[in-house]
Amino acid sequence: MANEPFISINEVAKQLDIPAHTLRYWEKQFPVSIKPATGAGGRRYYRPETVAALKQVRELLYDRGMTIAGVKKLIKDGKFMNADITVPNEKPIGTAKPAKQTPGTITDSISIDKAIDLLEQARKVLKP
């Protein structure tokens, strides 16, 4: 166990193609599964099993569209790090229904110039 290689946070971030600050955030969210060793000055070093847990978290969040809460539930239920995890019918992040549009609502499809024109017209109408 003492001869296991340790990997720095920057090396793990490169391997997983995510920023180091995301790894630090995941440590706070999943403290049971992700526990890096700390060296001098508080530098983080990861064991191979911790890197494997991080890869699993990345896959579940980014590739399978699970939420942080969903991954926490898998950990709580003892299903984390199971190669055959089936993701429940959970909506991936970013698939929320678009907001209802009402008449006169400025949307992304309107140009800035058009929006300025509309504001100018409104100001003329409202100005006594």
N, C-alpha and C. Protein backbone atom coordinates (compact mmCIF):
# COMPACT_ATOMS: atom_id res chain seq x y z
N MET A 1 0.83 -1.19 0.00
CA MET A 1 0.00 0.00 0.00
C MET A 1 0.87 1.25 0.00
N ALA A 2 1.99 1.22 0.69
CA ALA A 2 2.86 2.39 0.77
C ALA A 2 3.59 2.62 -0.55
N ASN A 3 3.69 1.60 -1.41
CA ASN A 3 4.39 1.75 -2.68
C ASN A 3 3.48 2.21 -3.82
N GLU A 4 2.21 2.47 -3.54
CA GLU A 4 1.29 2.90 -4.59
C GLU A 4 1.73 4.26 -5.13
N PRO A 5 1.66 4.42 -6.44
CA PRO A 5 2.02 5.72 -7.01
C PRO A 5 0.93 6.75 -6.71
N PHE A 6 1.34 7.96 -6.43
CA PHE A 6 0.41 9.05 -6.22
C PHE A 6 0.45 9.95 -7.44
N ILE A 7 -0.69 10.49 -7.79
CA ILE A 7 -0.80 11.36 -8.95
C ILE A 7 -1.25 12.74 -8.48
N SER A 8 -0.61 13.78 -8.98
CA SER A 8 -0.97 15.14 -8.56
C SER A 8 -2.33 15.53 -9.13
N ILE A 9 -2.91 16.54 -8.53
CA ILE A 9 -4.23 17.01 -8.97
C ILE A 9 -4.17 17.49 -10.41
N ASN A 10 -3.08 18.13 -10.80
CA ASN A 10 -2.97 18.62 -12.17
C ASN A 10 -2.90 17.48 -13.18
N GLU A 11 -2.20 16.41 -12.83
CA GLU A 11 -2.12 15.26 -13.72
C GLU A 11 -3.49 14.59 -13.87
N VAL A 12 -4.21 14.46 -12.78
CA VAL A 12 -5.55 13.87 -12.82
C VAL A 12 -6.49 14.76 -13.64
N ALA A 13 -6.39 16.06 -13.45
CA ALA A 13 -7.22 16.99 -14.21
C ALA A 13 -6.97 16.84 -15.71
N LYS A 14 -5.71 16.67 -16.09
CA LYS A 14 -5.39 16.45 -17.51
C LYS A 14 -5.96 15.12 -18.01
N GLN A 15 -5.80 14.07 -17.22
CA GLN A 15 -6.31 12.75 -17.60
C GLN A 15 -7.81 12.78 -17.85
N LEU A 16 -8.53 13.47 -16.98
CA LEU A 16 -9.99 13.49 -17.06
C LEU A 16 -10.52 14.64 -17.91
N ASP A 17 -9.63 15.52 -18.33
CA ASP A 17 -10.00 16.67 -19.15
C ASP A 17 -11.04 17.55 -18.44
N ILE A 18 -10.76 17.82 -17.17
CA ILE A 18 -11.60 18.73 -16.39
C ILE A 18 -10.68 19.63 -15.57
N PRO A 19 -11.15 20.80 -15.17
CA PRO A 19 -10.31 21.69 -14.37
C PRO A 19 -10.06 21.15 -12.96
N ALA A 20 -8.93 21.54 -12.39
CA ALA A 20 -8.58 21.10 -11.04
C ALA A 20 -9.62 21.56 -10.01
N HIS A 21 -10.20 22.74 -10.23
CA HIS A 21 -11.19 23.23 -9.26
C HIS A 21 -12.43 22.33 -9.24
N THR A 22 -12.72 21.67 -10.35
CA THR A 22 -13.84 20.72 -10.38
C THR A 22 -13.52 19.52 -9.50
N LEU A 23 -12.28 19.06 -9.54
CA LEU A 23 -11.88 17.93 -8.68
C LEU A 23 -12.03 18.31 -7.21
N ARG A 24 -11.61 19.53 -6.87
CA ARG A 24 -11.74 19.97 -5.47
C ARG A 24 -13.21 20.06 -5.06
N TYR A 25 -14.06 20.51 -5.98
CA TYR A 25 -15.50 20.57 -5.70
C TYR A 25 -16.06 19.17 -5.48
N TRP A 26 -15.67 18.23 -6.33
CA TRP A 26 -16.16 16.86 -6.19
C TRP A 26 -15.71 16.25 -4.86
N GLU A 27 -14.53 16.62 -4.37
CA GLU A 27 -14.08 16.12 -3.07
C GLU A 27 -15.07 16.52 -1.98
N LYS A 28 -15.58 17.74 -2.07
CA LYS A 28 -16.54 18.21 -1.07
C LYS A 28 -17.89 17.53 -1.24
N GLN A 29 -18.28 17.26 -2.47
CA GLN A 29 -19.58 16.66 -2.73
C GLN A 29 -19.59 15.16 -2.42
N PHE A 30 -18.47 14.49 -2.66
CA PHE A 30 -18.40 13.03 -2.49
C PHE A 30 -17.24 12.65 -1.56
N PRO A 31 -17.26 13.12 -0.31
CA PRO A 31 -16.12 12.89 0.58
C PRO A 31 -15.88 11.42 0.92
N VAL A 32 -16.90 10.59 0.81
CA VAL A 32 -16.74 9.17 1.13
C VAL A 32 -15.93 8.47 0.03
N SER A 33 -16.15 8.85 -1.21
CA SER A 33 -15.52 8.16 -2.34
C SER A 33 -14.24 8.82 -2.83
N ILE A 34 -14.11 10.11 -2.60
CA ILE A 34 -12.96 10.83 -3.13
C ILE A 34 -12.19 11.46 -1.98
N LYS A 35 -11.09 10.81 -1.63
CA LYS A 35 -10.27 11.28 -0.52
C LYS A 35 -8.81 11.33 -0.97
N PRO A 36 -8.32 12.47 -1.42
CA PRO A 36 -6.92 12.53 -1.80
C PRO A 36 -6.02 12.61 -0.56
N ALA A 37 -4.80 12.17 -0.75
CA ALA A 37 -3.80 12.36 0.30
C ALA A 37 -3.27 13.78 0.14
N THR A 38 -2.86 14.38 1.22
CA THR A 38 -2.29 15.72 1.12
C THR A 38 -0.83 15.69 1.53
N GLY A 39 -0.05 16.45 0.78
CA GLY A 39 1.37 16.53 1.05
C GLY A 39 1.71 17.86 1.68
N ALA A 40 2.98 18.19 1.60
CA ALA A 40 3.47 19.46 2.15
C ALA A 40 2.72 20.62 1.50
N GLY A 41 2.32 21.56 2.29
CA GLY A 41 1.62 22.73 1.77
C GLY A 41 0.19 22.45 1.36
N GLY A 42 -0.35 21.27 1.73
CA GLY A 42 -1.72 20.96 1.40
C GLY A 42 -1.96 20.51 -0.03
N ARG A 43 -0.91 20.16 -0.74
CA ARG A 43 -1.06 19.69 -2.12
C ARG A 43 -1.77 18.35 -2.15
N ARG A 44 -2.64 18.18 -3.13
CA ARG A 44 -3.43 16.96 -3.23
C ARG A 44 -2.74 15.94 -4.13
N TYR A 45 -2.75 14.69 -3.66
CA TYR A 45 -2.21 13.57 -4.44
C TYR A 45 -3.23 12.44 -4.40
N TYR A 46 -3.47 11.85 -5.56
CA TYR A 46 -4.52 10.85 -5.68
C TYR A 46 -3.94 9.45 -5.89
N ARG A 47 -4.52 8.47 -5.19
CA ARG A 47 -4.18 7.06 -5.38
C ARG A 47 -4.93 6.56 -6.61
N PRO A 48 -4.50 5.45 -7.20
CA PRO A 48 -5.19 4.90 -8.38
C PRO A 48 -6.67 4.63 -8.13
N GLU A 49 -7.03 4.14 -6.94
CA GLU A 49 -8.46 3.86 -6.67
C GLU A 49 -9.28 5.15 -6.59
N THR A 50 -8.65 6.23 -6.13
CA THR A 50 -9.34 7.52 -6.09
C THR A 50 -9.52 8.06 -7.50
N VAL A 51 -8.52 7.87 -8.36
CA VAL A 51 -8.63 8.30 -9.76
C VAL A 51 -9.75 7.51 -10.44
N ALA A 52 -9.86 6.22 -10.13
CA ALA A 52 -10.93 5.39 -10.71
C ALA A 52 -12.30 5.92 -10.27
N ALA A 53 -12.42 6.34 -9.00
CA ALA A 53 -13.68 6.90 -8.51
C ALA A 53 -13.98 8.22 -9.23
N LEU A 54 -12.96 9.03 -9.45
CA LEU A 54 -13.16 10.29 -10.17
C LEU A 54 -13.59 10.04 -11.61
N LYS A 55 -13.02 9.02 -12.24
CA LYS A 55 -13.43 8.67 -13.61
C LYS A 55 -14.89 8.26 -13.63
N GLN A 56 -15.31 7.50 -12.62
CA GLN A 56 -16.71 7.06 -12.53
C GLN A 56 -17.63 8.27 -12.35
N VAL A 57 -17.24 9.20 -11.48
CA VAL A 57 -18.04 10.41 -11.26
C VAL A 57 -18.14 11.20 -12.56
N ARG A 58 -17.03 11.35 -13.26
CA ARG A 58 -17.03 12.10 -14.52
C ARG A 58 -17.96 11.43 -15.54
N GLU A 59 -17.89 10.13 -15.64
CA GLU A 59 -18.75 9.42 -16.59
C GLU A 59 -20.23 9.60 -16.25
N LEU A 60 -20.55 9.46 -14.97
CA LEU A 60 -21.95 9.58 -14.56
C LEU A 60 -22.49 10.99 -14.77
N LEU A 61 -21.68 11.99 -14.45
CA LEU A 61 -22.14 13.37 -14.58
C LEU A 61 -22.13 13.86 -16.02
N TYR A 62 -21.03 13.63 -16.72
CA TYR A 62 -20.86 14.21 -18.05
C TYR A 62 -21.38 13.33 -19.18
N ASP A 63 -21.12 12.04 -19.10
CA ASP A 63 -21.50 11.16 -20.20
C ASP A 63 -22.93 10.64 -20.07
N ARG A 64 -23.35 10.36 -18.84
CA ARG A 64 -24.68 9.78 -18.64
C ARG A 64 -25.71 10.81 -18.20
N GLY A 65 -25.27 12.04 -17.94
CA GLY A 65 -26.21 13.11 -17.63
C GLY A 65 -26.83 13.08 -16.26
N MET A 66 -26.20 12.39 -15.31
CA MET A 66 -26.76 12.36 -13.95
C MET A 66 -26.46 13.68 -13.24
N THR A 67 -27.18 13.90 -12.17
CA THR A 67 -26.95 15.07 -11.34
C THR A 67 -26.05 14.67 -10.17
N ILE A 68 -25.55 15.67 -9.46
CA ILE A 68 -24.75 15.42 -8.25
C ILE A 68 -25.59 14.61 -7.26
N ALA A 69 -26.85 15.00 -7.10
CA ALA A 69 -27.73 14.29 -6.16
C ALA A 69 -27.90 12.82 -6.58
N GLY A 70 -27.97 12.57 -7.88
CA GLY A 70 -28.11 11.20 -8.35
C GLY A 70 -26.88 10.36 -8.04
N VAL A 71 -25.71 10.95 -8.21
CA VAL A 71 -24.47 10.23 -7.89
C VAL A 71 -24.38 9.99 -6.38
N LYS A 72 -24.78 10.98 -5.58
CA LYS A 72 -24.78 10.80 -4.13
C LYS A 72 -25.69 9.64 -3.72
N LYS A 73 -26.82 9.52 -4.40
CA LYS A 73 -27.75 8.42 -4.10
C LYS A 73 -27.11 7.08 -4.44
N LEU A 74 -26.40 7.00 -5.56
CA LEU A 74 -25.71 5.76 -5.92
C LEU A 74 -24.69 5.38 -4.85
N ILE A 75 -23.96 6.37 -4.36
CA ILE A 75 -22.97 6.12 -3.31
C ILE A 75 -23.67 5.63 -2.05
N LYS A 76 -24.76 6.32 -1.67
CA LYS A 76 -25.51 5.94 -0.47
C LYS A 76 -26.07 4.52 -0.58
N ASP A 77 -26.54 4.17 -1.78
CA ASP A 77 -27.13 2.85 -2.00
C ASP A 77 -26.08 1.76 -2.23
N GLY A 78 -24.80 2.13 -2.22
CA GLY A 78 -23.74 1.15 -2.42
C GLY A 78 -23.58 0.69 -3.86
N LYS A 79 -24.11 1.47 -4.80
CA LYS A 79 -24.04 1.08 -6.21
C LYS A 79 -22.95 1.83 -6.98
N PHE A 80 -22.25 2.71 -6.32
CA PHE A 80 -21.18 3.46 -6.96
C PHE A 80 -20.02 2.52 -7.27
N MET A 81 -19.32 2.76 -8.34
CA MET A 81 -18.19 1.96 -8.81
C MET A 81 -18.64 0.59 -9.32
N ASN A 82 -19.91 0.47 -9.64
CA ASN A 82 -20.44 -0.75 -10.24
C ASN A 82 -20.41 -0.54 -11.74
N ALA A 83 -19.74 -1.42 -12.45
CA ALA A 83 -19.57 -1.27 -13.90
C ALA A 83 -20.89 -1.28 -14.64
N ASP A 84 -21.91 -1.93 -14.09
CA ASP A 84 -23.19 -2.06 -14.77
C ASP A 84 -24.25 -1.13 -14.21
N ILE A 85 -23.86 0.06 -13.83
CA ILE A 85 -24.82 1.00 -13.26
C ILE A 85 -25.83 1.37 -14.34
N THR A 86 -27.09 1.21 -13.99
CA THR A 86 -28.15 1.69 -14.88
C THR A 86 -28.66 2.98 -14.29
N VAL A 87 -28.67 3.99 -15.10
CA VAL A 87 -29.08 5.30 -14.64
C VAL A 87 -30.60 5.37 -14.65
N PRO A 88 -31.19 5.76 -13.51
CA PRO A 88 -32.64 5.90 -13.47
C PRO A 88 -33.10 6.98 -14.44
N ASN A 89 -34.39 7.04 -14.68
CA ASN A 89 -34.92 8.05 -15.60
C ASN A 89 -34.75 9.43 -15.01
N GLU A 90 -33.56 9.93 -15.09
CA GLU A 90 -33.22 11.22 -14.52
C GLU A 90 -32.92 12.16 -15.67
N LYS A 91 -33.45 13.36 -15.60
CA LYS A 91 -33.22 14.32 -16.66
C LYS A 91 -31.79 14.82 -16.59
N PRO A 92 -31.08 14.79 -17.72
CA PRO A 92 -29.75 15.37 -17.73
C PRO A 92 -29.82 16.87 -17.47
N ILE A 93 -28.73 17.40 -16.96
CA ILE A 93 -28.66 18.83 -16.70
C ILE A 93 -28.82 19.56 -18.03
N GLY A 94 -29.56 20.65 -18.03
CA GLY A 94 -29.70 21.46 -19.22
C GLY A 94 -30.85 21.04 -20.11
N THR A 95 -31.73 20.17 -19.65
CA THR A 95 -32.85 19.76 -20.49
C THR A 95 -34.17 20.28 -19.94
N ALA A 96 -34.11 21.34 -19.18
CA ALA A 96 -35.33 21.91 -18.64
C ALA A 96 -36.18 22.49 -19.77
N LYS A 97 -37.48 22.54 -19.54
CA LYS A 97 -38.37 23.10 -20.53
C LYS A 97 -38.07 24.59 -20.69
N PRO A 98 -38.13 25.10 -21.93
CA PRO A 98 -37.90 26.53 -22.11
C PRO A 98 -39.02 27.34 -21.44
N ALA A 99 -38.68 28.53 -21.03
CA ALA A 99 -39.65 29.39 -20.38
C ALA A 99 -40.74 29.77 -21.39
N LYS A 100 -41.95 29.91 -20.87
CA LYS A 100 -43.04 30.31 -21.74
C LYS A 100 -42.81 31.74 -22.19
N GLN A 101 -43.10 31.97 -23.46
CA GLN A 101 -42.92 33.32 -23.99
C GLN A 101 -44.28 33.99 -24.10
N THR A 102 -44.33 35.22 -23.67
CA THR A 102 -45.56 35.98 -23.78
C THR A 102 -45.37 37.02 -24.87
N PRO A 103 -46.44 37.51 -25.44
CA PRO A 103 -46.30 38.53 -26.48
C PRO A 103 -45.49 39.72 -25.98
N GLY A 104 -44.57 40.18 -26.81
CA GLY A 104 -43.74 41.32 -26.45
C GLY A 104 -42.48 40.95 -25.69
N THR A 105 -42.26 39.65 -25.46
CA THR A 105 -41.06 39.20 -24.75
C THR A 105 -39.88 39.24 -25.71
N ILE A 106 -38.78 39.78 -25.27
CA ILE A 106 -37.58 39.80 -26.09
C ILE A 106 -36.89 38.45 -25.91
N THR A 107 -36.61 37.78 -27.01
CA THR A 107 -35.97 36.47 -26.96
C THR A 107 -34.59 36.55 -27.57
N ASP A 108 -33.85 35.44 -27.49
CA ASP A 108 -32.51 35.38 -28.05
C ASP A 108 -32.51 35.63 -29.56
N SER A 109 -33.62 35.34 -30.22
CA SER A 109 -33.64 35.46 -31.67
C SER A 109 -33.78 36.91 -32.13
N ILE A 110 -34.03 37.83 -31.25
CA ILE A 110 -34.17 39.23 -31.63
C ILE A 110 -32.79 39.89 -31.56
N SER A 111 -32.52 40.76 -32.49
CA SER A 111 -31.21 41.42 -32.51
C SER A 111 -31.18 42.54 -31.47
N ILE A 112 -29.99 42.93 -31.12
CA ILE A 112 -29.83 44.02 -30.15
C ILE A 112 -30.38 45.32 -30.73
N ASP A 113 -30.15 45.56 -32.01
CA ASP A 113 -30.67 46.77 -32.65
C ASP A 113 -32.20 46.81 -32.57
N LYS A 114 -32.84 45.67 -32.82
CA LYS A 114 -34.30 45.59 -32.75
C LYS A 114 -34.77 45.87 -31.32
N ALA A 115 -34.06 45.33 -30.34
CA ALA A 115 -34.41 45.55 -28.94
C ALA A 115 -34.28 47.03 -28.58
N ILE A 116 -33.24 47.69 -29.07
CA ILE A 116 -33.05 49.12 -28.80
C ILE A 116 -34.18 49.92 -29.43
N ASP A 117 -34.54 49.56 -30.65
CA ASP A 117 -35.66 50.24 -31.32
C ASP A 117 -36.94 50.09 -30.51
N LEU A 118 -37.21 48.89 -30.02
CA LEU A 118 -38.41 48.66 -29.22
C LEU A 118 -38.39 49.49 -27.94
N LEU A 119 -37.23 49.59 -27.31
CA LEU A 119 -37.12 50.39 -26.09
C LEU A 119 -37.34 51.87 -26.39
N GLU A 120 -36.81 52.35 -27.50
CA GLU A 120 -37.01 53.74 -27.90
C GLU A 120 -38.49 54.02 -28.14
N GLN A 121 -39.18 53.09 -28.82
CA GLN A 121 -40.61 53.26 -29.06
C GLN A 121 -41.38 53.28 -27.75
N ALA A 122 -41.01 52.41 -26.84
CA ALA A 122 -41.69 52.36 -25.54
C ALA A 122 -41.48 53.64 -24.77
N ARG A 123 -40.27 54.19 -24.84
CA ARG A 123 -39.97 55.44 -24.12
C ARG A 123 -40.81 56.59 -24.68
N LYS A 124 -40.98 56.65 -26.01
CA LYS A 124 -41.77 57.71 -26.63
C LYS A 124 -43.24 57.61 -26.20
N VAL A 125 -43.74 56.36 -26.13
CA VAL A 125 -45.13 56.16 -25.75
C VAL A 125 -45.35 56.53 -24.28
N LEU A 126 -44.41 56.16 -23.43
CA LEU A 126 -44.56 56.39 -21.99
C LEU A 126 -44.22 57.82 -21.56
N LYS A 127 -43.47 58.54 -22.41
CA LYS A 127 -43.06 59.89 -22.07
C LYS A 127 -44.26 60.83 -22.19
N PRO A 128 -44.57 61.58 -21.14
CA PRO A 128 -45.75 62.46 -21.20
C PRO A 128 -45.54 63.67 -22.08
